[in-house]
Amino acid sequence: MLDILGSIAIGGVLLIILWRLDDAATQNVINNGQEVVLQQNLTTVATIIEHDFRKIGYCANWNKIPDPSMSIVQADSNSIKFLTDDNNDGNVDTLRYLLGPTSELTSTPNPNDRFLYRILNGVKPQEANLGVTQFTLVYHDAFGNVISSPVSNPGTIATIEINLSVEDSYAYDQKYSQAFWRQIKLAAKNLQNR
């Protein structure tokens, strides 16, 4: 009888160990998959932002933007509006980046994710959620001093610091994975033409 009870106890302990190992393996697979998607989303957003910001003040027909230092129209900590030639056709386009409120994105359980809008010539694109939770811009003048936001004279902006954070839209075990990207003092070539 003691042998049977001992076998049941040992079998129960082994079964609990197997369940925990299975749970740990499942958690690792899900977390690794979420991390890959998260890194891909961050890379996608960062590549687009970096490409667009480097073209601030650029136009294939340079006569259409005679003073590139005036190409930033509006700038604050969560949005920027500037002149550029988006598709290299020689026409000046207005491009705006804007972080929407958390209340707009109710289709995911993450309470922190938002839409990051890329508005070209006033036309709002269809929304796509890549898990952006933070989009913060810090502006610097030619001497490297921080310009307070909102910027009253956008012509003084020489470099921009971009802070971007993304999280999973869906949590595993009530935890959201997060990735952060910072471009320290991105300088658009055309802003230097003063």
N, C-alpha and C. Protein backbone atom coordinates (compact mmCIF):
# COMPACT_ATOMS: atom_id res chain seq x y z
N MET A 1 0.81 -1.19 0.00
CA MET A 1 0.00 0.00 0.00
C MET A 1 0.86 1.27 0.00
N LEU A 2 1.94 1.22 0.79
CA LEU A 2 2.86 2.36 0.80
C LEU A 2 3.52 2.54 -0.57
N ASP A 3 3.80 1.43 -1.24
CA ASP A 3 4.40 1.51 -2.57
C ASP A 3 3.46 2.21 -3.54
N ILE A 4 2.19 1.93 -3.47
CA ILE A 4 1.21 2.55 -4.38
C ILE A 4 1.08 4.04 -4.08
N LEU A 5 0.99 4.40 -2.79
CA LEU A 5 0.90 5.82 -2.42
C LEU A 5 2.17 6.58 -2.82
N GLY A 6 3.31 5.96 -2.61
CA GLY A 6 4.57 6.58 -3.02
C GLY A 6 4.64 6.77 -4.53
N SER A 7 4.17 5.78 -5.28
CA SER A 7 4.16 5.89 -6.75
C SER A 7 3.24 7.00 -7.22
N ILE A 8 2.07 7.11 -6.56
CA ILE A 8 1.12 8.18 -6.92
C ILE A 8 1.73 9.55 -6.63
N ALA A 9 2.40 9.68 -5.49
CA ALA A 9 3.02 10.96 -5.12
C ALA A 9 4.13 11.33 -6.11
N ILE A 10 4.98 10.36 -6.42
CA ILE A 10 6.08 10.62 -7.37
C ILE A 10 5.52 10.92 -8.76
N GLY A 11 4.51 10.17 -9.16
CA GLY A 11 3.87 10.41 -10.46
C GLY A 11 3.24 11.79 -10.52
N GLY A 12 2.60 12.21 -9.42
CA GLY A 12 2.00 13.55 -9.36
C GLY A 12 3.03 14.65 -9.48
N VAL A 13 4.16 14.48 -8.77
CA VAL A 13 5.25 15.47 -8.84
C VAL A 13 5.80 15.54 -10.27
N LEU A 14 6.00 14.37 -10.88
CA LEU A 14 6.50 14.34 -12.26
C LEU A 14 5.51 14.99 -13.24
N LEU A 15 4.22 14.77 -13.02
CA LEU A 15 3.19 15.38 -13.87
C LEU A 15 3.19 16.90 -13.74
N ILE A 16 3.34 17.39 -12.51
CA ILE A 16 3.41 18.84 -12.29
C ILE A 16 4.65 19.42 -12.96
N ILE A 17 5.77 18.74 -12.86
CA ILE A 17 7.00 19.19 -13.52
C ILE A 17 6.81 19.25 -15.03
N LEU A 18 6.16 18.24 -15.60
CA LEU A 18 5.90 18.23 -17.05
C LEU A 18 4.99 19.38 -17.46
N TRP A 19 3.96 19.66 -16.68
CA TRP A 19 3.07 20.78 -16.99
C TRP A 19 3.83 22.11 -16.96
N ARG A 20 4.68 22.27 -15.96
CA ARG A 20 5.45 23.52 -15.87
C ARG A 20 6.44 23.65 -17.03
N LEU A 21 7.07 22.55 -17.40
CA LEU A 21 7.98 22.59 -18.55
C LEU A 21 7.23 22.93 -19.83
N ASP A 22 6.06 22.36 -20.00
CA ASP A 22 5.24 22.65 -21.18
C ASP A 22 4.82 24.11 -21.19
N ASP A 23 4.42 24.64 -20.04
CA ASP A 23 4.02 26.04 -19.94
C ASP A 23 5.21 26.96 -20.24
N ALA A 24 6.38 26.64 -19.70
CA ALA A 24 7.58 27.44 -19.94
C ALA A 24 7.97 27.42 -21.42
N ALA A 25 7.86 26.25 -22.05
CA ALA A 25 8.18 26.14 -23.48
C ALA A 25 7.19 26.95 -24.32
N THR A 26 5.92 26.86 -23.98
CA THR A 26 4.90 27.63 -24.70
C THR A 26 5.15 29.12 -24.54
N GLN A 27 5.45 29.55 -23.33
CA GLN A 27 5.72 30.96 -23.08
C GLN A 27 6.94 31.43 -23.89
N ASN A 28 7.99 30.64 -23.93
CA ASN A 28 9.18 31.02 -24.70
C ASN A 28 8.89 31.13 -26.19
N VAL A 29 8.12 30.19 -26.72
CA VAL A 29 7.78 30.24 -28.15
C VAL A 29 6.96 31.48 -28.46
N ILE A 30 5.96 31.77 -27.63
CA ILE A 30 5.11 32.95 -27.86
C ILE A 30 5.92 34.24 -27.69
N ASN A 31 6.71 34.34 -26.64
CA ASN A 31 7.51 35.55 -26.42
C ASN A 31 8.51 35.79 -27.53
N ASN A 32 9.17 34.73 -28.00
CA ASN A 32 10.13 34.88 -29.08
C ASN A 32 9.43 35.31 -30.37
N GLY A 33 8.28 34.74 -30.65
CA GLY A 33 7.52 35.15 -31.84
C GLY A 33 7.07 36.59 -31.74
N GLN A 34 6.60 37.00 -30.57
CA GLN A 34 6.18 38.39 -30.37
C GLN A 34 7.35 39.34 -30.49
N GLU A 35 8.50 38.95 -29.98
CA GLU A 35 9.70 39.80 -30.08
C GLU A 35 10.11 40.01 -31.53
N VAL A 36 10.04 38.96 -32.33
CA VAL A 36 10.39 39.09 -33.75
C VAL A 36 9.44 40.06 -34.45
N VAL A 37 8.14 39.91 -34.22
CA VAL A 37 7.15 40.81 -34.83
C VAL A 37 7.36 42.23 -34.34
N LEU A 38 7.62 42.39 -33.06
CA LEU A 38 7.85 43.70 -32.47
C LEU A 38 9.06 44.38 -33.10
N GLN A 39 10.16 43.65 -33.25
CA GLN A 39 11.36 44.22 -33.86
C GLN A 39 11.12 44.57 -35.33
N GLN A 40 10.35 43.75 -36.04
CA GLN A 40 10.03 44.06 -37.44
C GLN A 40 9.18 45.32 -37.53
N ASN A 41 8.19 45.45 -36.64
CA ASN A 41 7.35 46.65 -36.63
C ASN A 41 8.18 47.90 -36.34
N LEU A 42 9.06 47.81 -35.35
CA LEU A 42 9.91 48.95 -35.01
C LEU A 42 10.82 49.32 -36.16
N THR A 43 11.41 48.34 -36.80
CA THR A 43 12.29 48.60 -37.94
C THR A 43 11.53 49.24 -39.09
N THR A 44 10.33 48.77 -39.36
CA THR A 44 9.52 49.33 -40.44
C THR A 44 9.20 50.79 -40.18
N VAL A 45 8.70 51.09 -38.99
CA VAL A 45 8.33 52.47 -38.66
C VAL A 45 9.56 53.36 -38.65
N ALA A 46 10.65 52.92 -38.04
CA ALA A 46 11.87 53.73 -37.95
C ALA A 46 12.45 54.02 -39.33
N THR A 47 12.42 53.05 -40.22
CA THR A 47 12.95 53.25 -41.57
C THR A 47 12.15 54.31 -42.33
N ILE A 48 10.83 54.24 -42.23
CA ILE A 48 9.98 55.22 -42.92
C ILE A 48 10.20 56.61 -42.35
N ILE A 49 10.21 56.72 -41.03
CA ILE A 49 10.41 58.02 -40.39
C ILE A 49 11.76 58.61 -40.76
N GLU A 50 12.80 57.81 -40.66
CA GLU A 50 14.14 58.30 -40.96
C GLU A 50 14.25 58.76 -42.42
N HIS A 51 13.66 58.00 -43.33
CA HIS A 51 13.68 58.36 -44.75
C HIS A 51 12.97 59.70 -44.97
N ASP A 52 11.79 59.85 -44.39
CA ASP A 52 11.03 61.09 -44.58
C ASP A 52 11.70 62.29 -43.93
N PHE A 53 12.23 62.12 -42.73
CA PHE A 53 12.84 63.25 -42.03
C PHE A 53 14.13 63.71 -42.69
N ARG A 54 14.84 62.80 -43.32
CA ARG A 54 16.07 63.21 -44.02
C ARG A 54 15.75 64.03 -45.28
N LYS A 55 14.51 63.94 -45.75
CA LYS A 55 14.10 64.69 -46.94
C LYS A 55 13.38 66.01 -46.60
N ILE A 56 13.45 66.44 -45.35
CA ILE A 56 12.84 67.72 -44.98
C ILE A 56 13.52 68.82 -45.80
N GLY A 57 12.72 69.61 -46.50
CA GLY A 57 13.25 70.72 -47.29
C GLY A 57 13.78 70.33 -48.65
N TYR A 58 13.66 69.07 -49.03
CA TYR A 58 14.14 68.61 -50.33
C TYR A 58 13.03 68.72 -51.37
N CYS A 59 13.41 69.15 -52.57
CA CYS A 59 12.51 69.11 -53.72
C CYS A 59 13.38 68.90 -54.96
N ALA A 60 12.94 68.03 -55.85
CA ALA A 60 13.70 67.76 -57.08
C ALA A 60 13.88 69.04 -57.88
N ASN A 61 12.90 69.92 -57.84
CA ASN A 61 13.03 71.26 -58.43
C ASN A 61 13.34 72.22 -57.29
N TRP A 62 14.62 72.47 -57.06
CA TRP A 62 15.06 73.22 -55.89
C TRP A 62 14.52 74.65 -55.84
N ASN A 63 14.07 75.18 -56.97
CA ASN A 63 13.51 76.54 -56.98
C ASN A 63 12.19 76.63 -56.23
N LYS A 64 11.52 75.51 -56.04
CA LYS A 64 10.21 75.52 -55.38
C LYS A 64 10.33 75.63 -53.86
N ILE A 65 11.49 75.31 -53.31
CA ILE A 65 11.76 75.55 -51.89
C ILE A 65 13.05 76.37 -51.82
N PRO A 66 12.95 77.70 -52.04
CA PRO A 66 14.16 78.52 -52.13
C PRO A 66 14.92 78.64 -50.80
N ASP A 67 14.22 78.56 -49.66
CA ASP A 67 14.88 78.64 -48.37
C ASP A 67 14.54 77.38 -47.56
N PRO A 68 15.36 76.33 -47.67
CA PRO A 68 15.06 75.07 -46.99
C PRO A 68 14.96 75.19 -45.47
N SER A 69 15.59 76.21 -44.88
CA SER A 69 15.52 76.37 -43.44
C SER A 69 14.11 76.71 -42.98
N MET A 70 13.24 77.13 -43.90
CA MET A 70 11.86 77.45 -43.57
C MET A 70 10.91 76.31 -43.94
N SER A 71 11.44 75.13 -44.19
CA SER A 71 10.61 74.02 -44.65
C SER A 71 9.85 73.32 -43.52
N ILE A 72 10.23 73.53 -42.28
CA ILE A 72 9.44 72.99 -41.17
C ILE A 72 8.36 74.02 -40.87
N VAL A 73 7.12 73.61 -41.06
CA VAL A 73 5.98 74.51 -40.92
C VAL A 73 5.50 74.58 -39.47
N GLN A 74 5.44 73.42 -38.83
CA GLN A 74 4.94 73.35 -37.46
C GLN A 74 5.67 72.23 -36.74
N ALA A 75 6.00 72.47 -35.47
CA ALA A 75 6.74 71.45 -34.71
C ALA A 75 6.37 71.52 -33.23
N ASP A 76 5.99 70.38 -32.68
CA ASP A 76 5.84 70.25 -31.23
C ASP A 76 6.32 68.87 -30.82
N SER A 77 6.10 68.50 -29.58
CA SER A 77 6.71 67.29 -29.05
C SER A 77 6.15 65.99 -29.63
N ASN A 78 4.91 65.99 -30.16
CA ASN A 78 4.32 64.77 -30.71
C ASN A 78 3.89 64.88 -32.16
N SER A 79 4.20 65.98 -32.81
CA SER A 79 3.85 66.11 -34.23
C SER A 79 4.80 67.09 -34.90
N ILE A 80 4.91 66.92 -36.21
CA ILE A 80 5.72 67.80 -37.02
C ILE A 80 5.09 67.88 -38.40
N LYS A 81 5.17 69.05 -39.01
CA LYS A 81 4.65 69.26 -40.36
C LYS A 81 5.74 69.97 -41.14
N PHE A 82 6.08 69.41 -42.32
CA PHE A 82 7.18 70.00 -43.08
C PHE A 82 6.96 69.86 -44.58
N LEU A 83 7.74 70.61 -45.33
CA LEU A 83 7.69 70.58 -46.79
C LEU A 83 8.74 69.62 -47.31
N THR A 84 8.37 68.86 -48.33
CA THR A 84 9.27 67.89 -48.92
C THR A 84 8.76 67.53 -50.31
N ASP A 85 9.51 66.76 -51.03
CA ASP A 85 9.08 66.21 -52.31
C ASP A 85 8.98 64.71 -52.11
N ASP A 86 7.80 64.25 -51.74
CA ASP A 86 7.64 62.87 -51.30
C ASP A 86 7.98 61.84 -52.37
N ASN A 87 7.52 62.07 -53.59
CA ASN A 87 7.74 61.07 -54.66
C ASN A 87 8.73 61.54 -55.72
N ASN A 88 9.52 62.57 -55.39
CA ASN A 88 10.60 63.04 -56.27
C ASN A 88 10.10 63.47 -57.64
N ASP A 89 8.91 64.11 -57.68
CA ASP A 89 8.34 64.55 -58.95
C ASP A 89 8.52 66.04 -59.21
N GLY A 90 9.22 66.74 -58.32
CA GLY A 90 9.45 68.17 -58.50
C GLY A 90 8.36 69.05 -57.94
N ASN A 91 7.35 68.46 -57.30
CA ASN A 91 6.28 69.22 -56.67
C ASN A 91 6.44 69.18 -55.16
N VAL A 92 6.17 70.31 -54.53
CA VAL A 92 6.30 70.39 -53.08
C VAL A 92 5.08 69.73 -52.41
N ASP A 93 5.36 68.83 -51.49
CA ASP A 93 4.32 68.16 -50.71
C ASP A 93 4.43 68.60 -49.25
N THR A 94 3.32 68.53 -48.55
CA THR A 94 3.32 68.78 -47.11
C THR A 94 3.14 67.43 -46.41
N LEU A 95 4.06 67.12 -45.53
CA LEU A 95 4.02 65.85 -44.82
C LEU A 95 3.91 66.14 -43.32
N ARG A 96 2.99 65.45 -42.68
CA ARG A 96 2.80 65.64 -41.24
C ARG A 96 2.81 64.29 -40.54
N TYR A 97 3.53 64.23 -39.44
CA TYR A 97 3.51 63.08 -38.55
C TYR A 97 2.80 63.50 -37.28
N LEU A 98 1.88 62.66 -36.84
CA LEU A 98 1.05 62.99 -35.69
C LEU A 98 0.72 61.72 -34.92
N LEU A 99 0.90 61.75 -33.61
CA LEU A 99 0.57 60.62 -32.75
C LEU A 99 -0.85 60.81 -32.25
N GLY A 100 -1.71 59.84 -32.56
CA GLY A 100 -3.10 59.91 -32.14
C GLY A 100 -3.27 59.56 -30.67
N PRO A 101 -4.45 59.81 -30.12
CA PRO A 101 -4.70 59.48 -28.71
C PRO A 101 -4.96 57.98 -28.52
N THR A 102 -4.79 57.52 -27.30
CA THR A 102 -5.02 56.11 -27.00
C THR A 102 -6.49 55.74 -27.16
N SER A 103 -7.38 56.71 -27.05
CA SER A 103 -8.82 56.43 -27.15
C SER A 103 -9.24 56.02 -28.56
N GLU A 104 -8.42 56.34 -29.57
CA GLU A 104 -8.76 55.98 -30.95
C GLU A 104 -8.62 54.49 -31.23
N LEU A 105 -7.71 53.85 -30.55
CA LEU A 105 -7.39 52.46 -30.86
C LEU A 105 -7.98 51.56 -29.78
N THR A 106 -9.22 51.17 -29.98
CA THR A 106 -9.91 50.33 -29.00
C THR A 106 -10.02 48.88 -29.46
N SER A 107 -9.49 48.57 -30.64
CA SER A 107 -9.62 47.22 -31.19
C SER A 107 -8.59 46.25 -30.63
N THR A 108 -7.62 46.75 -29.86
CA THR A 108 -6.62 45.87 -29.25
C THR A 108 -6.70 45.99 -27.73
N PRO A 109 -6.29 44.96 -27.02
CA PRO A 109 -6.35 45.03 -25.56
C PRO A 109 -5.27 45.92 -24.93
N ASN A 110 -4.22 46.27 -25.68
CA ASN A 110 -3.17 47.11 -25.13
C ASN A 110 -3.70 48.53 -24.94
N PRO A 111 -3.72 49.03 -23.71
CA PRO A 111 -4.26 50.36 -23.47
C PRO A 111 -3.33 51.49 -23.89
N ASN A 112 -2.09 51.17 -24.27
CA ASN A 112 -1.10 52.19 -24.58
C ASN A 112 -0.85 52.41 -26.07
N ASP A 113 -1.25 51.48 -26.94
CA ASP A 113 -0.91 51.63 -28.35
C ASP A 113 -1.80 52.68 -29.01
N ARG A 114 -1.22 53.32 -30.04
CA ARG A 114 -1.87 54.44 -30.72
C ARG A 114 -1.59 54.36 -32.21
N PHE A 115 -2.32 55.15 -32.95
CA PHE A 115 -2.02 55.30 -34.37
C PHE A 115 -0.95 56.37 -34.52
N LEU A 116 0.04 56.10 -35.35
CA LEU A 116 1.00 57.12 -35.75
C LEU A 116 0.62 57.49 -37.17
N TYR A 117 0.11 58.69 -37.35
CA TYR A 117 -0.37 59.13 -38.66
C TYR A 117 0.75 59.74 -39.47
N ARG A 118 0.81 59.36 -40.73
CA ARG A 118 1.68 59.98 -41.73
C ARG A 118 0.73 60.60 -42.75
N ILE A 119 0.52 61.90 -42.63
CA ILE A 119 -0.49 62.60 -43.41
C ILE A 119 0.21 63.36 -44.54
N LEU A 120 -0.04 62.93 -45.77
CA LEU A 120 0.58 63.54 -46.95
C LEU A 120 -0.44 64.45 -47.62
N ASN A 121 -0.10 65.73 -47.73
CA ASN A 121 -0.94 66.75 -48.37
C ASN A 121 -2.36 66.78 -47.79
N GLY A 122 -2.46 66.61 -46.48
CA GLY A 122 -3.73 66.70 -45.79
C GLY A 122 -4.62 65.47 -45.90
N VAL A 123 -4.17 64.44 -46.61
CA VAL A 123 -4.99 63.24 -46.79
C VAL A 123 -4.56 62.20 -45.75
N LYS A 124 -5.48 61.89 -44.86
CA LYS A 124 -5.21 60.91 -43.81
C LYS A 124 -5.25 59.51 -44.43
N PRO A 125 -4.17 58.73 -44.26
CA PRO A 125 -4.16 57.38 -44.84
C PRO A 125 -5.03 56.42 -44.04
N GLN A 126 -5.24 55.25 -44.59
CA GLN A 126 -5.92 54.22 -43.82
C GLN A 126 -5.04 53.87 -42.63
N GLU A 127 -5.70 53.58 -41.54
CA GLU A 127 -4.97 53.34 -40.31
C GLU A 127 -4.32 51.96 -40.30
N ALA A 128 -3.12 51.92 -39.77
CA ALA A 128 -2.41 50.66 -39.58
C ALA A 128 -1.79 50.70 -38.19
N ASN A 129 -1.99 49.66 -37.43
CA ASN A 129 -1.47 49.62 -36.07
C ASN A 129 -0.22 48.75 -36.04
N LEU A 130 0.89 49.38 -35.71
CA LEU A 130 2.14 48.64 -35.54
C LEU A 130 2.58 48.66 -34.08
N GLY A 131 1.66 49.02 -33.18
CA GLY A 131 1.95 48.99 -31.75
C GLY A 131 2.70 50.18 -31.23
N VAL A 132 2.65 51.32 -31.91
CA VAL A 132 3.37 52.51 -31.46
C VAL A 132 2.74 53.00 -30.16
N THR A 133 3.57 53.21 -29.16
CA THR A 133 3.08 53.72 -27.88
C THR A 133 3.69 55.09 -27.55
N GLN A 134 4.81 55.41 -28.19
CA GLN A 134 5.45 56.69 -27.93
C GLN A 134 6.07 57.21 -29.22
N PHE A 135 5.87 58.49 -29.50
CA PHE A 135 6.52 59.19 -30.60
C PHE A 135 6.79 60.59 -30.08
N THR A 136 8.02 60.83 -29.68
CA THR A 136 8.38 62.10 -29.08
C THR A 136 9.52 62.73 -29.87
N LEU A 137 9.39 64.02 -30.12
CA LEU A 137 10.39 64.75 -30.88
C LEU A 137 11.00 65.84 -29.99
N VAL A 138 12.32 65.95 -30.04
CA VAL A 138 13.04 66.99 -29.32
C VAL A 138 13.85 67.75 -30.37
N TYR A 139 13.72 69.06 -30.37
CA TYR A 139 14.35 69.88 -31.40
C TYR A 139 15.56 70.61 -30.83
N HIS A 140 16.60 70.74 -31.68
CA HIS A 140 17.83 71.41 -31.27
C HIS A 140 18.18 72.49 -32.29
N ASP A 141 18.78 73.58 -31.79
CA ASP A 141 19.23 74.64 -32.70
C ASP A 141 20.64 74.31 -33.21
N ALA A 142 21.23 75.22 -33.95
CA ALA A 142 22.54 74.98 -34.56
C ALA A 142 23.64 74.79 -33.52
N PHE A 143 23.43 75.28 -32.30
CA PHE A 143 24.43 75.14 -31.24
C PHE A 143 24.20 73.91 -30.37
N GLY A 144 23.16 73.13 -30.68
CA GLY A 144 22.86 71.92 -29.92
C GLY A 144 21.95 72.16 -28.73
N ASN A 145 21.46 73.38 -28.56
CA ASN A 145 20.56 73.69 -27.45
C ASN A 145 19.16 73.18 -27.76
N VAL A 146 18.48 72.68 -26.74
CA VAL A 146 17.11 72.19 -26.90
C VAL A 146 16.17 73.38 -27.07
N ILE A 147 15.30 73.29 -28.07
CA ILE A 147 14.29 74.32 -28.32
C ILE A 147 13.01 73.85 -27.65
N SER A 148 12.41 74.71 -26.84
CA SER A 148 11.19 74.32 -26.12
C SER A 148 10.04 74.11 -27.10
N SER A 149 9.16 73.21 -26.70
CA SER A 149 8.05 72.81 -27.56
C SER A 149 6.75 73.39 -27.00
N PRO A 150 5.83 73.85 -27.82
CA PRO A 150 5.86 73.91 -29.28
C PRO A 150 6.84 74.98 -29.75
N VAL A 151 7.46 74.71 -30.88
CA VAL A 151 8.50 75.58 -31.42
C VAL A 151 7.84 76.79 -32.06
N SER A 152 8.16 77.97 -31.55
CA SER A 152 7.55 79.19 -32.08
C SER A 152 8.20 79.65 -33.38
N ASN A 153 9.50 79.34 -33.56
CA ASN A 153 10.19 79.71 -34.78
C ASN A 153 10.86 78.46 -35.36
N PRO A 154 10.12 77.69 -36.19
CA PRO A 154 10.67 76.44 -36.72
C PRO A 154 11.94 76.62 -37.57
N GLY A 155 12.21 77.82 -38.02
CA GLY A 155 13.41 78.07 -38.81
C GLY A 155 14.69 77.91 -38.03
N THR A 156 14.60 77.86 -36.70
CA THR A 156 15.80 77.69 -35.88
C THR A 156 16.17 76.23 -35.66
N ILE A 157 15.33 75.31 -36.11
CA ILE A 157 15.60 73.88 -35.91
C ILE A 157 16.73 73.43 -36.82
N ALA A 158 17.76 72.85 -36.21
CA ALA A 158 18.88 72.33 -36.99
C ALA A 158 18.92 70.80 -36.97
N THR A 159 18.57 70.22 -35.82
CA THR A 159 18.55 68.76 -35.69
C THR A 159 17.33 68.34 -34.88
N ILE A 160 16.95 67.07 -35.05
CA ILE A 160 15.77 66.54 -34.37
C ILE A 160 16.15 65.21 -33.71
N GLU A 161 15.75 65.06 -32.45
CA GLU A 161 15.89 63.78 -31.75
C GLU A 161 14.54 63.09 -31.83
N ILE A 162 14.53 61.85 -32.28
CA ILE A 162 13.29 61.09 -32.44
C ILE A 162 13.31 59.92 -31.46
N ASN A 163 12.27 59.83 -30.65
CA ASN A 163 12.11 58.72 -29.70
C ASN A 163 10.85 57.96 -30.09
N LEU A 164 11.00 56.67 -30.32
CA LEU A 164 9.90 55.84 -30.77
C LEU A 164 9.86 54.56 -29.95
N SER A 165 8.68 54.23 -29.47
CA SER A 165 8.51 53.02 -28.67
C SER A 165 7.32 52.24 -29.23
N VAL A 166 7.47 50.92 -29.31
CA VAL A 166 6.38 50.06 -29.76
C VAL A 166 6.19 48.93 -28.75
N GLU A 167 4.95 48.49 -28.64
CA GLU A 167 4.60 47.37 -27.77
C GLU A 167 3.73 46.40 -28.54
N ASP A 168 3.66 45.17 -28.03
CA ASP A 168 2.74 44.19 -28.60
C ASP A 168 1.31 44.69 -28.45
N SER A 169 0.49 44.35 -29.40
CA SER A 169 -0.93 44.69 -29.29
C SER A 169 -1.65 43.74 -28.35
N TYR A 170 -1.12 42.54 -28.22
CA TYR A 170 -1.74 41.53 -27.37
C TYR A 170 -0.70 41.03 -26.37
N ALA A 171 -1.10 40.93 -25.12
CA ALA A 171 -0.17 40.50 -24.06
C ALA A 171 -0.19 39.00 -23.91
N TYR A 172 0.89 38.48 -23.39
CA TYR A 172 0.92 37.09 -22.96
C TYR A 172 1.16 37.12 -21.46
N ASP A 173 0.27 36.52 -20.71
CA ASP A 173 0.36 36.49 -19.26
C ASP A 173 0.38 37.92 -18.68
N GLN A 174 -0.44 38.78 -19.25
CA GLN A 174 -0.60 40.18 -18.82
C GLN A 174 0.67 41.01 -18.98
N LYS A 175 1.59 40.59 -19.85
CA LYS A 175 2.84 41.33 -20.07
C LYS A 175 2.95 41.69 -21.54
N TYR A 176 3.25 42.97 -21.81
CA TYR A 176 3.46 43.45 -23.17
C TYR A 176 4.95 43.63 -23.40
N SER A 177 5.45 43.03 -24.46
CA SER A 177 6.86 43.24 -24.82
C SER A 177 7.00 44.63 -25.40
N GLN A 178 8.17 45.23 -25.20
CA GLN A 178 8.39 46.60 -25.65
C GLN A 178 9.75 46.71 -26.33
N ALA A 179 9.82 47.57 -27.35
CA ALA A 179 11.09 47.88 -28.01
C ALA A 179 11.15 49.39 -28.20
N PHE A 180 12.35 49.93 -28.11
CA PHE A 180 12.55 51.38 -28.15
C PHE A 180 13.62 51.73 -29.18
N TRP A 181 13.41 52.83 -29.90
CA TRP A 181 14.38 53.31 -30.88
C TRP A 181 14.57 54.80 -30.67
N ARG A 182 15.81 55.24 -30.70
CA ARG A 182 16.10 56.67 -30.57
C ARG A 182 17.09 57.07 -31.66
N GLN A 183 16.71 58.07 -32.40
CA GLN A 183 17.62 58.68 -33.37
C GLN A 183 18.08 59.98 -32.74
N ILE A 184 19.32 60.01 -32.32
CA ILE A 184 19.83 61.20 -31.64
C ILE A 184 20.31 62.20 -32.67
N LYS A 185 19.67 63.34 -32.67
CA LYS A 185 20.05 64.48 -33.50
C LYS A 185 20.15 64.15 -34.98
N LEU A 186 19.05 63.71 -35.54
CA LEU A 186 18.96 63.50 -36.98
C LEU A 186 19.02 64.85 -37.66
N ALA A 187 19.89 65.00 -38.62
CA ALA A 187 20.03 66.27 -39.33
C ALA A 187 19.66 66.07 -40.79
N ALA A 188 18.61 66.75 -41.21
CA ALA A 188 18.25 66.75 -42.63
C ALA A 188 19.26 67.61 -43.36
N LYS A 189 19.79 67.11 -44.45
CA LYS A 189 20.83 67.83 -45.19
C LYS A 189 20.37 69.23 -45.60
N ASN A 190 19.11 69.35 -45.98
CA ASN A 190 18.62 70.63 -46.47
C ASN A 190 18.43 71.66 -45.39
N LEU A 191 18.29 71.25 -44.12
CA LEU A 191 18.19 72.22 -43.04
C LEU A 191 19.51 72.92 -42.82
N GLN A 192 20.60 72.32 -43.26
CA GLN A 192 21.91 72.93 -43.09
C GLN A 192 22.19 74.00 -44.14
N ASN A 193 21.36 74.06 -45.19
CA ASN A 193 21.54 75.06 -46.25
C ASN A 193 20.95 76.39 -45.79
N ARG A 194 21.71 77.12 -45.03
CA ARG A 194 21.23 78.41 -44.49
C ARG A 194 22.04 79.55 -45.03
